[in-house]
Amino acid sequence: MSTAQGKGGYGIQHLEEINDDDEDEESSDDEPTGPKFKVIIEKAEPAGVKISKKNTCIVEIINRELEIKNESEHYDLINYFMGQKKPTWSSQFLQAVMLSPTVDEDHLIVEEVSLYEAMSHFATMFWKLLFAFIPPTHWGGGWPAFVMALLFIGVCTAVVAEVATVLGCTIGLKAGVTAITLVAIGTSLPDTFASMTAARSSDTADSAIGNVTGSNSVNVFVGLGLPWVMSAYYADSIHKPYVTPAGSLAFSVMLFLITSSICFVVLIARRKIFGGELGGPYQSKIFSMVFLIALWVIYVTFSSMKAYHLL
């Protein structure tokens, strides 16, 4: 406690330090705090000067240098990441190997790197470096990047499909079983990660669901139709009939249609009950995941049994 003389003749009779946990003072947890002092003004001079009943105030000393520095670094980091939206071709390789925080472009919030993100980064660094050879998206209206990305995806898918086919032959699986298990899983992984990214970044489930349905439509109409047209044209050019036996295709397609219809029923039910195809309560997400995986297991099991003439 000390006494001092203020301007205008006010006598500061009490100057005492107080604690942050005093019950009569409220402080916000979001604001920085520093040393606090209670100032009590008494015995005004000269005569005639009056002091109101509220002769007490709280003085708080705050050092904002560190806060200003952190805000400045935060702002610089956001500007850096926003500037990377149009990277050069060489900077893409640097971004492929760098592990750094990400910026939420909607709210301009810096999100620190989690353990899962760090492990995923190092596990997929080879693929990031490989796809860094794709030209930047702002070149030529994005067409060079689009064409190169399709080429890269096609090459990777072909390699995965060939490896899966060889693996199926090695362990003695029939071609039909290999196609619906190893080849299907290997070639669908890009779609899986694309749907996951779309589900996280989009406000609705349209992108994630549309990616799955669109990918399957391309596989059915283009992936089957185009090779058949080319094969039929070649067979006709050499004057030979082009005939491919169906095998157990009818059973597999019918089973696929049944399980797919059940899947759409689940999606419609989730929209009616929880207001959306994705998300919702934790228990509902786990149940939906287990149920949809069970549909896939049923499809693979019965199709494989049909291929081995067990049905």
C-alpha atoms as a PDB file:
ATOM      1  CA  MET A   1       0.000   0.000   0.000  1.00  0.00           C
ATOM      2  CA  SER A   2       1.270   3.464  -0.854  1.00  0.00           C
ATOM      3  CA  THR A   3       0.100   7.078  -1.098  1.00  0.00           C
ATOM      4  CA  ALA A   4       0.603   9.434  -4.051  1.00  0.00           C
ATOM      5  CA  GLN A   5      -0.553  12.813  -5.250  1.00  0.00           C
ATOM      6  CA  GLY A   6      -2.574  12.817  -8.492  1.00  0.00           C
ATOM      7  CA  LYS A   7      -3.283  15.588 -11.004  1.00  0.00           C
ATOM      8  CA  GLY A   8      -5.895  18.162 -10.076  1.00  0.00           C
ATOM      9  CA  GLY A   9      -5.304  17.704  -6.405  1.00  0.00           C
ATOM     10  CA  TYR A  10      -6.640  14.192  -6.056  1.00  0.00           C
ATOM     11  CA  GLY A  11      -4.932  12.251  -3.293  1.00  0.00           C
ATOM     12  CA  ILE A  12      -4.422   8.605  -4.130  1.00  0.00           C
ATOM     13  CA  GLN A  13      -4.425   7.198  -0.632  1.00  0.00           C
ATOM     14  CA  HIS A  14      -4.382   3.487  -1.428  1.00  0.00           C
ATOM     15  CA  LEU A  15      -2.549   1.631  -4.200  1.00  0.00           C
ATOM     16  CA  GLU A  16      -2.621  -2.090  -3.539  1.00  0.00           C
ATOM     17  CA  GLU A  17      -2.061  -5.131  -5.713  1.00  0.00           C
ATOM     18  CA  ILE A  18      -4.951  -7.585  -6.035  1.00  0.00           C
ATOM     19  CA  ASN A  19      -5.205 -11.201  -7.196  1.00  0.00           C
ATOM     20  CA  ASP A  20      -7.014 -12.462 -10.288  1.00  0.00           C
ATOM     21  CA  ASP A  21      -9.203 -14.750  -8.192  1.00  0.00           C
ATOM     22  CA  ASP A  22     -10.871 -11.987  -6.169  1.00  0.00           C
ATOM     23  CA  GLU A  23     -14.566 -12.710  -6.031  1.00  0.00           C
ATOM     24  CA  ASP A  24     -15.588  -9.084  -6.514  1.00  0.00           C
ATOM     25  CA  GLU A  25     -13.823  -8.796  -9.902  1.00  0.00           C
ATOM     26  CA  GLU A  26     -14.705 -10.629 -13.106  1.00  0.00           C
ATOM     27  CA  SER A  27     -12.181 -11.440 -15.809  1.00  0.00           C
ATOM     28  CA  SER A  28     -12.562 -13.038 -19.203  1.00  0.00           C
ATOM     29  CA  ASP A  29     -10.577 -16.188 -19.910  1.00  0.00           C
ATOM     30  CA  ASP A  30     -10.157 -15.114 -23.525  1.00  0.00           C
ATOM     31  CA  GLU A  31      -8.299 -11.890 -22.709  1.00  0.00           C
ATOM     32  CA  PRO A  32      -4.669 -11.742 -21.567  1.00  0.00           C
ATOM     33  CA  THR A  33      -4.175 -10.726 -17.927  1.00  0.00           C
ATOM     34  CA  GLY A  34      -1.354  -9.038 -16.058  1.00  0.00           C
ATOM     35  CA  PRO A  35      -0.696  -7.448 -12.630  1.00  0.00           C
ATOM     36  CA  LYS A  36      -3.761  -5.652 -11.231  1.00  0.00           C
ATOM     37  CA  PHE A  37      -3.907  -2.738  -8.799  1.00  0.00           C
ATOM     38  CA  LYS A  38      -6.832  -1.246  -6.931  1.00  0.00           C
ATOM     39  CA  VAL A  39      -6.695   2.564  -6.764  1.00  0.00           C
ATOM     40  CA  ILE A  40      -8.768   4.370  -4.092  1.00  0.00           C
ATOM     41  CA  ILE A  41      -9.023   8.184  -4.378  1.00  0.00           C
ATOM     42  CA  GLU A  42      -9.651  10.167  -1.164  1.00  0.00           C
ATOM     43  CA  LYS A  43      -9.171  13.687   0.341  1.00  0.00           C
ATOM     44  CA  ALA A  44      -9.519  15.762  -2.806  1.00  0.00           C
ATOM     45  CA  GLU A  45      -7.654  19.053  -2.924  1.00  0.00           C
ATOM     46  CA  PRO A  46      -8.118  22.029  -3.239  1.00  0.00           C
ATOM     47  CA  ALA A  47     -11.260  22.692  -1.280  1.00  0.00           C
ATOM     48  CA  GLY A  48     -14.462  22.468  -3.270  1.00  0.00           C
ATOM     49  CA  VAL A  49     -13.426  19.479  -5.351  1.00  0.00           C
ATOM     50  CA  LYS A  50     -15.885  16.657  -4.836  1.00  0.00           C
ATOM     51  CA  ILE A  51     -15.367  12.949  -5.295  1.00  0.00           C
ATOM     52  CA  SER A  52     -18.247  10.709  -6.350  1.00  0.00           C
ATOM     53  CA  LYS A  53     -19.166   7.568  -4.490  1.00  0.00           C
ATOM     54  CA  LYS A  54     -17.302   5.527  -7.077  1.00  0.00           C
ATOM     55  CA  ASN A  55     -13.831   6.482  -5.986  1.00  0.00           C
ATOM     56  CA  THR A  56     -12.261   3.092  -6.724  1.00  0.00           C
ATOM     57  CA  CYS A  57     -10.851   1.776  -9.990  1.00  0.00           C
ATOM     58  CA  ILE A  58      -8.841  -1.231 -11.138  1.00  0.00           C
ATOM     59  CA  VAL A  59      -5.616  -0.729 -13.093  1.00  0.00           C
ATOM     60  CA  GLU A  60      -4.312  -3.711 -15.054  1.00  0.00           C
ATOM     61  CA  ILE A  61      -0.891  -3.758 -16.710  1.00  0.00           C
ATOM     62  CA  ILE A  62      -0.822  -5.938 -19.857  1.00  0.00           C
ATOM     63  CA  ASN A  63       2.177  -6.620 -22.061  1.00  0.00           C
ATOM     64  CA  ARG A  64       0.792  -7.082 -25.571  1.00  0.00           C
ATOM     65  CA  GLU A  65       4.102  -7.349 -27.387  1.00  0.00           C
ATOM     66  CA  LEU A  66       3.996 -11.157 -27.489  1.00  0.00           C
ATOM     67  CA  GLU A  67       0.337 -11.138 -28.509  1.00  0.00           C
ATOM     68  CA  ILE A  68       1.011  -8.663 -31.330  1.00  0.00           C
ATOM     69  CA  LYS A  69       3.963 -10.768 -32.482  1.00  0.00           C
ATOM     70  CA  ASN A  70       1.862 -13.948 -32.561  1.00  0.00           C
ATOM     71  CA  GLU A  71      -0.903 -12.191 -34.467  1.00  0.00           C
ATOM     72  CA  SER A  72       1.614 -10.890 -36.981  1.00  0.00           C
ATOM     73  CA  GLU A  73       3.104 -14.365 -37.507  1.00  0.00           C
ATOM     74  CA  HIS A  74      -0.402 -15.817 -37.815  1.00  0.00           C
ATOM     75  CA  TYR A  75      -1.302 -13.223 -40.452  1.00  0.00           C
ATOM     76  CA  ASP A  76       1.925 -13.840 -42.387  1.00  0.00           C
ATOM     77  CA  LEU A  77       1.290 -17.594 -42.348  1.00  0.00           C
ATOM     78  CA  ILE A  78      -2.217 -17.119 -43.733  1.00  0.00           C
ATOM     79  CA  ASN A  79      -0.894 -14.831 -46.470  1.00  0.00           C
ATOM     80  CA  TYR A  80       1.750 -17.431 -47.348  1.00  0.00           C
ATOM     81  CA  PHE A  81      -0.767 -20.240 -47.694  1.00  0.00           C
ATOM     82  CA  MET A  82      -3.199 -18.089 -49.660  1.00  0.00           C
ATOM     83  CA  GLY A  83      -0.329 -17.250 -51.996  1.00  0.00           C
ATOM     84  CA  GLN A  84       0.237 -20.981 -52.577  1.00  0.00           C
ATOM     85  CA  LYS A  85      -3.150 -21.301 -54.281  1.00  0.00           C
ATOM     86  CA  LYS A  86      -1.351 -20.597 -57.559  1.00  0.00           C
ATOM     87  CA  PRO A  87       1.983 -22.377 -57.089  1.00  0.00           C
ATOM     88  CA  THR A  88       4.701 -22.721 -59.660  1.00  0.00           C
ATOM     89  CA  TRP A  89       5.591 -26.142 -61.046  1.00  0.00           C
ATOM     90  CA  SER A  90       8.804 -26.256 -59.013  1.00  0.00           C
ATOM     91  CA  SER A  91       7.076 -25.203 -55.775  1.00  0.00           C
ATOM     92  CA  GLN A  92       4.725 -28.183 -56.088  1.00  0.00           C
ATOM     93  CA  PHE A  93       7.651 -30.500 -55.335  1.00  0.00           C
ATOM     94  CA  LEU A  94       8.491 -28.437 -52.244  1.00  0.00           C
ATOM     95  CA  GLN A  95       4.898 -28.633 -51.038  1.00  0.00           C
ATOM     96  CA  ALA A  96       4.899 -32.397 -51.637  1.00  0.00           C
ATOM     97  CA  VAL A  97       7.670 -32.981 -49.087  1.00  0.00           C
ATOM     98  CA  MET A  98       6.824 -30.218 -46.597  1.00  0.00           C
ATOM     99  CA  LEU A  99       4.794 -30.968 -43.496  1.00  0.00           C
ATOM    100  CA  SER A 100       3.188 -27.751 -42.330  1.00  0.00           C
ATOM    101  CA  PRO A 101      -0.077 -26.440 -40.838  1.00  0.00           C
ATOM    102  CA  THR A 102      -3.082 -26.018 -43.103  1.00  0.00           C
ATOM    103  CA  VAL A 103      -5.370 -23.029 -43.489  1.00  0.00           C
ATOM    104  CA  ASP A 104      -9.159 -23.254 -43.379  1.00  0.00           C
ATOM    105  CA  GLU A 105      -9.979 -21.017 -46.337  1.00  0.00           C
ATOM    106  CA  ASP A 106     -13.584 -20.518 -45.217  1.00  0.00           C
ATOM    107  CA  HIS A 107     -12.691 -19.121 -41.775  1.00  0.00           C
ATOM    108  CA  LEU A 108      -8.993 -18.258 -42.352  1.00  0.00           C
ATOM    109  CA  ILE A 109      -7.955 -20.324 -39.354  1.00  0.00           C
ATOM    110  CA  VAL A 110      -4.566 -22.022 -39.104  1.00  0.00           C
ATOM    111  CA  GLU A 111      -5.048 -25.695 -38.218  1.00  0.00           C
ATOM    112  CA  GLU A 112      -2.041 -27.388 -36.642  1.00  0.00           C
ATOM    113  CA  VAL A 113      -0.771 -30.735 -37.899  1.00  0.00           C
ATOM    114  CA  SER A 114      -2.198 -33.756 -36.095  1.00  0.00           C
ATOM    115  CA  LEU A 115      -0.407 -37.065 -35.540  1.00  0.00           C
ATOM    116  CA  TYR A 116      -2.627 -38.788 -38.103  1.00  0.00           C
ATOM    117  CA  GLU A 117      -1.887 -36.113 -40.715  1.00  0.00           C
ATOM    118  CA  ALA A 118       1.849 -36.409 -40.066  1.00  0.00           C
ATOM    119  CA  MET A 119       1.815 -40.201 -40.445  1.00  0.00           C
ATOM    120  CA  SER A 120      -0.316 -39.966 -43.587  1.00  0.00           C
ATOM    121  CA  HIS A 121       2.052 -37.390 -45.054  1.00  0.00           C
ATOM    122  CA  PHE A 122       5.142 -39.587 -44.697  1.00  0.00           C
ATOM    123  CA  ALA A 123       3.251 -42.690 -45.848  1.00  0.00           C
ATOM    124  CA  THR A 124       2.054 -41.007 -49.062  1.00  0.00           C
ATOM    125  CA  MET A 125       5.082 -38.819 -49.810  1.00  0.00           C
ATOM    126  CA  PHE A 126       6.081 -40.963 -52.804  1.00  0.00           C
ATOM    127  CA  TRP A 127       2.682 -40.450 -54.445  1.00  0.00           C
ATOM    128  CA  LYS A 128       2.734 -36.736 -53.674  1.00  0.00           C
ATOM    129  CA  LEU A 129       6.110 -36.407 -55.369  1.00  0.00           C
ATOM    130  CA  LEU A 130       4.913 -38.472 -58.324  1.00  0.00           C
ATOM    131  CA  PHE A 131       1.805 -36.368 -58.881  1.00  0.00           C
ATOM    132  CA  ALA A 132       3.795 -33.155 -58.446  1.00  0.00           C
ATOM    133  CA  PHE A 133       4.811 -33.720 -62.092  1.00  0.00           C
ATOM    134  CA  ILE A 134       1.268 -32.690 -63.052  1.00  0.00           C
ATOM    135  CA  PRO A 135       1.290 -29.049 -64.282  1.00  0.00           C
ATOM    136  CA  PRO A 136      -0.295 -26.378 -62.036  1.00  0.00           C
ATOM    137  CA  THR A 137      -4.061 -26.077 -62.395  1.00  0.00           C
ATOM    138  CA  HIS A 138      -3.937 -22.413 -63.419  1.00  0.00           C
ATOM    139  CA  TRP A 139      -1.958 -23.232 -66.568  1.00  0.00           C
ATOM    140  CA  GLY A 140      -3.977 -23.293 -69.788  1.00  0.00           C
ATOM    141  CA  GLY A 141      -7.300 -23.112 -68.004  1.00  0.00           C
ATOM    142  CA  GLY A 142      -6.564 -26.347 -66.137  1.00  0.00           C
ATOM    143  CA  TRP A 143      -6.613 -28.589 -69.238  1.00  0.00           C
ATOM    144  CA  PRO A 144      -2.935 -29.682 -69.059  1.00  0.00           C
ATOM    145  CA  ALA A 145      -3.409 -30.665 -65.408  1.00  0.00           C
ATOM    146  CA  PHE A 146      -6.662 -32.484 -66.228  1.00  0.00           C
ATOM    147  CA  VAL A 147      -5.118 -34.520 -69.057  1.00  0.00           C
ATOM    148  CA  MET A 148      -1.968 -35.362 -67.097  1.00  0.00           C
ATOM    149  CA  ALA A 149      -3.995 -36.328 -64.012  1.00  0.00           C
ATOM    150  CA  LEU A 150      -6.132 -38.712 -66.080  1.00  0.00           C
ATOM    151  CA  LEU A 151      -2.976 -40.208 -67.571  1.00  0.00           C
ATOM    152  CA  PHE A 152      -1.364 -40.697 -64.160  1.00  0.00           C
ATOM    153  CA  ILE A 153      -4.526 -42.217 -62.671  1.00  0.00           C
ATOM    154  CA  GLY A 154      -4.888 -44.539 -65.637  1.00  0.00           C
ATOM    155  CA  VAL A 155      -1.298 -45.758 -65.360  1.00  0.00           C
ATOM    156  CA  CYS A 156      -1.556 -46.306 -61.591  1.00  0.00           C
ATOM    157  CA  THR A 157      -4.873 -48.116 -61.970  1.00  0.00           C
ATOM    158  CA  ALA A 158      -3.466 -50.359 -64.701  1.00  0.00           C
ATOM    159  CA  VAL A 159      -0.462 -51.252 -62.546  1.00  0.00           C
ATOM    160  CA  VAL A 160      -2.646 -51.997 -59.527  1.00  0.00           C
ATOM    161  CA  ALA A 161      -5.031 -54.109 -61.616  1.00  0.00           C
ATOM    162  CA  GLU A 162      -2.149 -56.092 -63.138  1.00  0.00           C
ATOM    163  CA  VAL A 163      -0.566 -56.708 -59.722  1.00  0.00           C
ATOM    164  CA  ALA A 164      -3.928 -57.819 -58.323  1.00  0.00           C
ATOM    165  CA  THR A 165      -4.469 -60.177 -61.280  1.00  0.00           C
ATOM    166  CA  VAL A 166      -1.036 -61.748 -60.866  1.00  0.00           C
ATOM    167  CA  LEU A 167      -1.637 -62.107 -57.122  1.00  0.00           C
ATOM    168  CA  GLY A 168      -4.964 -63.819 -57.769  1.00  0.00           C
ATOM    169  CA  CYS A 169      -3.324 -66.261 -60.173  1.00  0.00           C
ATOM    170  CA  THR A 170      -0.548 -66.939 -57.668  1.00  0.00           C
ATOM    171  CA  ILE A 171      -2.891 -67.867 -54.826  1.00  0.00           C
ATOM    172  CA  GLY A 172      -5.210 -69.802 -57.129  1.00  0.00           C
ATOM    173  CA  LEU A 173      -8.283 -67.549 -57.297  1.00  0.00           C
ATOM    174  CA  LYS A 174     -10.576 -67.731 -60.291  1.00  0.00           C
ATOM    175  CA  ALA A 175     -10.587 -64.754 -62.630  1.00  0.00           C
ATOM    176  CA  GLY A 176     -14.128 -63.755 -61.645  1.00  0.00           C
ATOM    177  CA  VAL A 177     -13.327 -63.806 -57.927  1.00  0.00           C
ATOM    178  CA  THR A 178     -10.111 -61.876 -58.489  1.00  0.00           C
ATOM    179  CA  ALA A 179     -12.041 -59.228 -60.420  1.00  0.00           C
ATOM    180  CA  ILE A 180     -14.615 -58.575 -57.675  1.00  0.00           C
ATOM    181  CA  THR A 181     -12.069 -58.644 -54.817  1.00  0.00           C
ATOM    182  CA  LEU A 182      -8.438 -57.727 -55.456  1.00  0.00           C
ATOM    183  CA  VAL A 183      -8.876 -55.830 -58.729  1.00  0.00           C
ATOM    184  CA  ALA A 184     -12.013 -54.048 -57.519  1.00  0.00           C
ATOM    185  CA  ILE A 185     -10.387 -52.943 -54.252  1.00  0.00           C
ATOM    186  CA  GLY A 186      -7.187 -51.809 -55.950  1.00  0.00           C
ATOM    187  CA  THR A 187      -8.907 -49.785 -58.652  1.00  0.00           C
ATOM    188  CA  SER A 188     -11.466 -48.274 -56.262  1.00  0.00           C
ATOM    189  CA  LEU A 189      -8.970 -46.840 -53.781  1.00  0.00           C
ATOM    190  CA  PRO A 190      -8.636 -43.519 -55.685  1.00  0.00           C
ATOM    191  CA  ASP A 191     -12.435 -43.153 -55.630  1.00  0.00           C
ATOM    192  CA  THR A 192     -12.481 -43.929 -51.921  1.00  0.00           C
ATOM    193  CA  PHE A 193      -9.998 -41.211 -51.028  1.00  0.00           C
ATOM    194  CA  ALA A 194     -11.678 -38.760 -53.416  1.00  0.00           C
ATOM    195  CA  SER A 195     -15.044 -39.362 -51.724  1.00  0.00           C
ATOM    196  CA  MET A 196     -13.455 -38.939 -48.286  1.00  0.00           C
ATOM    197  CA  THR A 197     -11.919 -35.614 -49.315  1.00  0.00           C
ATOM    198  CA  ALA A 198     -15.211 -34.458 -50.827  1.00  0.00           C
ATOM    199  CA  ALA A 199     -17.134 -35.416 -47.684  1.00  0.00           C
ATOM    200  CA  ARG A 200     -14.750 -33.412 -45.486  1.00  0.00           C
ATOM    201  CA  SER A 201     -14.536 -30.308 -47.660  1.00  0.00           C
ATOM    202  CA  SER A 202     -18.113 -29.984 -48.969  1.00  0.00           C
ATOM    203  CA  ASP A 203     -21.109 -28.595 -47.110  1.00  0.00           C
ATOM    204  CA  THR A 204     -23.361 -31.350 -48.442  1.00  0.00           C
ATOM    205  CA  ALA A 205     -22.989 -35.050 -49.222  1.00  0.00           C
ATOM    206  CA  ASP A 206     -23.689 -34.517 -52.925  1.00  0.00           C
ATOM    207  CA  SER A 207     -20.018 -34.469 -53.920  1.00  0.00           C
ATOM    208  CA  ALA A 208     -19.128 -37.630 -51.988  1.00  0.00           C
ATOM    209  CA  ILE A 209     -22.157 -39.638 -53.147  1.00  0.00           C
ATOM    210  CA  GLY A 210     -21.969 -38.205 -56.675  1.00  0.00           C
ATOM    211  CA  ASN A 211     -18.329 -39.237 -56.948  1.00  0.00           C
ATOM    212  CA  VAL A 212     -19.247 -42.855 -56.186  1.00  0.00           C
ATOM    213  CA  THR A 213     -22.229 -43.020 -58.548  1.00  0.00           C
ATOM    214  CA  GLY A 214     -20.407 -41.092 -61.280  1.00  0.00           C
ATOM    215  CA  SER A 215     -17.349 -43.329 -61.047  1.00  0.00           C
ATOM    216  CA  ASN A 216     -19.455 -46.471 -61.320  1.00  0.00           C
ATOM    217  CA  SER A 217     -21.390 -45.074 -64.281  1.00  0.00           C
ATOM    218  CA  VAL A 218     -18.110 -44.391 -66.093  1.00  0.00           C
ATOM    219  CA  ASN A 219     -16.905 -47.923 -65.296  1.00  0.00           C
ATOM    220  CA  VAL A 220     -20.107 -49.482 -66.628  1.00  0.00           C
ATOM    221  CA  PHE A 221     -20.892 -47.346 -69.663  1.00  0.00           C
ATOM    222  CA  VAL A 222     -17.419 -46.298 -70.799  1.00  0.00           C
ATOM    223  CA  GLY A 223     -15.165 -48.912 -69.201  1.00  0.00           C
ATOM    224  CA  LEU A 224     -17.244 -51.732 -70.696  1.00  0.00           C
ATOM    225  CA  GLY A 225     -18.783 -50.094 -73.756  1.00  0.00           C
ATOM    226  CA  LEU A 226     -15.641 -48.632 -75.311  1.00  0.00           C
ATOM    227  CA  PRO A 227     -13.538 -51.849 -75.179  1.00  0.00           C
ATOM    228  CA  TRP A 228     -16.476 -53.842 -76.536  1.00  0.00           C
ATOM    229  CA  VAL A 229     -16.885 -51.455 -79.463  1.00  0.00           C
ATOM    230  CA  MET A 230     -13.178 -51.608 -80.261  1.00  0.00           C
ATOM    231  CA  SER A 231     -13.110 -55.400 -79.979  1.00  0.00           C
ATOM    232  CA  ALA A 232     -16.227 -55.797 -82.117  1.00  0.00           C
ATOM    233  CA  TYR A 233     -14.825 -53.437 -84.765  1.00  0.00           C
ATOM    234  CA  TYR A 234     -11.538 -55.368 -84.859  1.00  0.00           C
ATOM    235  CA  ALA A 235     -13.320 -58.735 -85.078  1.00  0.00           C
ATOM    236  CA  ASP A 236     -15.454 -57.442 -87.927  1.00  0.00           C
ATOM    237  CA  SER A 237     -12.388 -56.173 -89.766  1.00  0.00           C
ATOM    238  CA  ILE A 238     -10.905 -59.680 -89.805  1.00  0.00           C
ATOM    239  CA  HIS A 239     -14.336 -61.260 -90.578  1.00  0.00           C
ATOM    240  CA  LYS A 240     -14.673 -63.133 -87.297  1.00  0.00           C
ATOM    241  CA  PRO A 241     -17.645 -63.065 -84.925  1.00  0.00           C
ATOM    242  CA  TYR A 242     -17.088 -61.372 -81.589  1.00  0.00           C
ATOM    243  CA  VAL A 243     -18.746 -63.385 -78.823  1.00  0.00           C
ATOM    244  CA  THR A 244     -17.910 -63.322 -75.116  1.00  0.00           C
ATOM    245  CA  PRO A 245     -19.640 -65.875 -72.833  1.00  0.00           C
ATOM    246  CA  ALA A 246     -21.390 -64.355 -69.833  1.00  0.00           C
ATOM    247  CA  GLY A 247     -20.424 -67.002 -67.290  1.00  0.00           C
ATOM    248  CA  SER A 248     -21.835 -66.187 -63.835  1.00  0.00           C
ATOM    249  CA  LEU A 249     -22.303 -62.521 -64.758  1.00  0.00           C
ATOM    250  CA  ALA A 250     -26.105 -62.583 -64.534  1.00  0.00           C
ATOM    251  CA  PHE A 251     -26.088 -63.779 -60.920  1.00  0.00           C
ATOM    252  CA  SER A 252     -23.382 -61.279 -59.926  1.00  0.00           C
ATOM    253  CA  VAL A 253     -25.175 -58.340 -61.551  1.00  0.00           C
ATOM    254  CA  MET A 254     -28.520 -59.270 -59.984  1.00  0.00           C
ATOM    255  CA  LEU A 255     -26.928 -59.560 -56.540  1.00  0.00           C
ATOM    256  CA  PHE A 256     -25.182 -56.227 -57.050  1.00  0.00           C
ATOM    257  CA  LEU A 257     -28.488 -54.538 -57.941  1.00  0.00           C
ATOM    258  CA  ILE A 258     -30.135 -55.951 -54.813  1.00  0.00           C
ATOM    259  CA  THR A 259     -27.360 -54.818 -52.441  1.00  0.00           C
ATOM    260  CA  SER A 260     -27.151 -51.420 -54.169  1.00  0.00           C
ATOM    261  CA  SER A 261     -30.887 -50.893 -53.748  1.00  0.00           C
ATOM    262  CA  ILE A 262     -30.579 -51.690 -50.039  1.00  0.00           C
ATOM    263  CA  CYS A 263     -27.705 -49.185 -49.832  1.00  0.00           C
ATOM    264  CA  PHE A 264     -29.878 -46.437 -51.328  1.00  0.00           C
ATOM    265  CA  VAL A 265     -32.661 -47.311 -48.890  1.00  0.00           C
ATOM    266  CA  VAL A 266     -30.174 -46.761 -46.039  1.00  0.00           C
ATOM    267  CA  LEU A 267     -29.148 -43.377 -47.468  1.00  0.00           C
ATOM    268  CA  ILE A 268     -32.791 -42.287 -47.842  1.00  0.00           C
ATOM    269  CA  ALA A 269     -33.570 -43.443 -44.295  1.00  0.00           C
ATOM    270  CA  ARG A 270     -30.594 -41.470 -42.937  1.00  0.00           C
ATOM    271  CA  ARG A 271     -31.818 -38.344 -44.730  1.00  0.00           C
ATOM    272  CA  LYS A 272     -35.294 -38.760 -43.227  1.00  0.00           C
ATOM    273  CA  ILE A 273     -34.076 -39.548 -39.694  1.00  0.00           C
ATOM    274  CA  PHE A 274     -30.862 -37.537 -39.281  1.00  0.00           C
ATOM    275  CA  GLY A 275     -31.297 -34.899 -41.992  1.00  0.00           C
ATOM    276  CA  GLY A 276     -28.370 -36.035 -44.146  1.00  0.00           C
ATOM    277  CA  GLU A 277     -26.742 -39.037 -45.778  1.00  0.00           C
ATOM    278  CA  LEU A 278     -23.436 -38.491 -43.968  1.00  0.00           C
ATOM    279  CA  GLY A 279     -22.691 -37.618 -40.339  1.00  0.00           C
ATOM    280  CA  GLY A 280     -25.241 -37.776 -37.569  1.00  0.00           C
ATOM    281  CA  PRO A 281     -24.923 -39.346 -34.103  1.00  0.00           C
ATOM    282  CA  TYR A 282     -21.858 -41.479 -33.480  1.00  0.00           C
ATOM    283  CA  GLN A 283     -23.852 -44.702 -32.991  1.00  0.00           C
ATOM    284  CA  SER A 284     -25.688 -44.203 -36.285  1.00  0.00           C
ATOM    285  CA  LYS A 285     -22.428 -43.686 -38.173  1.00  0.00           C
ATOM    286  CA  ILE A 286     -20.943 -46.884 -36.761  1.00  0.00           C
ATOM    287  CA  PHE A 287     -24.120 -48.852 -37.520  1.00  0.00           C
ATOM    288  CA  SER A 288     -24.277 -47.535 -41.094  1.00  0.00           C
ATOM    289  CA  MET A 289     -20.608 -48.344 -41.674  1.00  0.00           C
ATOM    290  CA  VAL A 290     -20.945 -51.901 -40.374  1.00  0.00           C
ATOM    291  CA  PHE A 291     -24.158 -52.473 -42.322  1.00  0.00           C
ATOM    292  CA  LEU A 292     -22.740 -51.238 -45.650  1.00  0.00           C
ATOM    293  CA  ILE A 293     -19.555 -53.285 -45.199  1.00  0.00           C
ATOM    294  CA  ALA A 294     -21.774 -56.297 -44.476  1.00  0.00           C
ATOM    295  CA  LEU A 295     -23.556 -55.722 -47.800  1.00  0.00           C
ATOM    296  CA  TRP A 296     -20.198 -55.815 -49.588  1.00  0.00           C
ATOM    297  CA  VAL A 297     -19.184 -59.003 -47.743  1.00  0.00           C
ATOM    298  CA  ILE A 298     -22.499 -60.626 -48.722  1.00  0.00           C
ATOM    299  CA  TYR A 299     -21.988 -59.654 -52.359  1.00  0.00           C
ATOM    300  CA  VAL A 300     -18.423 -60.981 -52.499  1.00  0.00           C
ATOM    301  CA  THR A 301     -19.262 -64.170 -50.602  1.00  0.00           C
ATOM    302  CA  PHE A 302     -22.241 -65.243 -52.706  1.00  0.00           C
ATOM    303  CA  SER A 303     -20.599 -64.207 -55.990  1.00  0.00           C
ATOM    304  CA  SER A 304     -17.519 -66.241 -55.096  1.00  0.00           C
ATOM    305  CA  MET A 305     -19.637 -69.238 -54.135  1.00  0.00           C
ATOM    306  CA  LYS A 306     -21.395 -69.005 -57.495  1.00  0.00           C
ATOM    307  CA  ALA A 307     -18.049 -68.813 -59.317  1.00  0.00           C
ATOM    308  CA  TYR A 308     -16.894 -72.009 -57.567  1.00  0.00           C
ATOM    309  CA  HIS A 309     -20.270 -73.705 -58.298  1.00  0.00           C
ATOM    310  CA  LEU A 310     -21.208 -73.893 -54.628  1.00  0.00           C
ATOM    311  CA  LEU A 311     -24.624 -72.405 -55.346  1.00  0.00           C
END
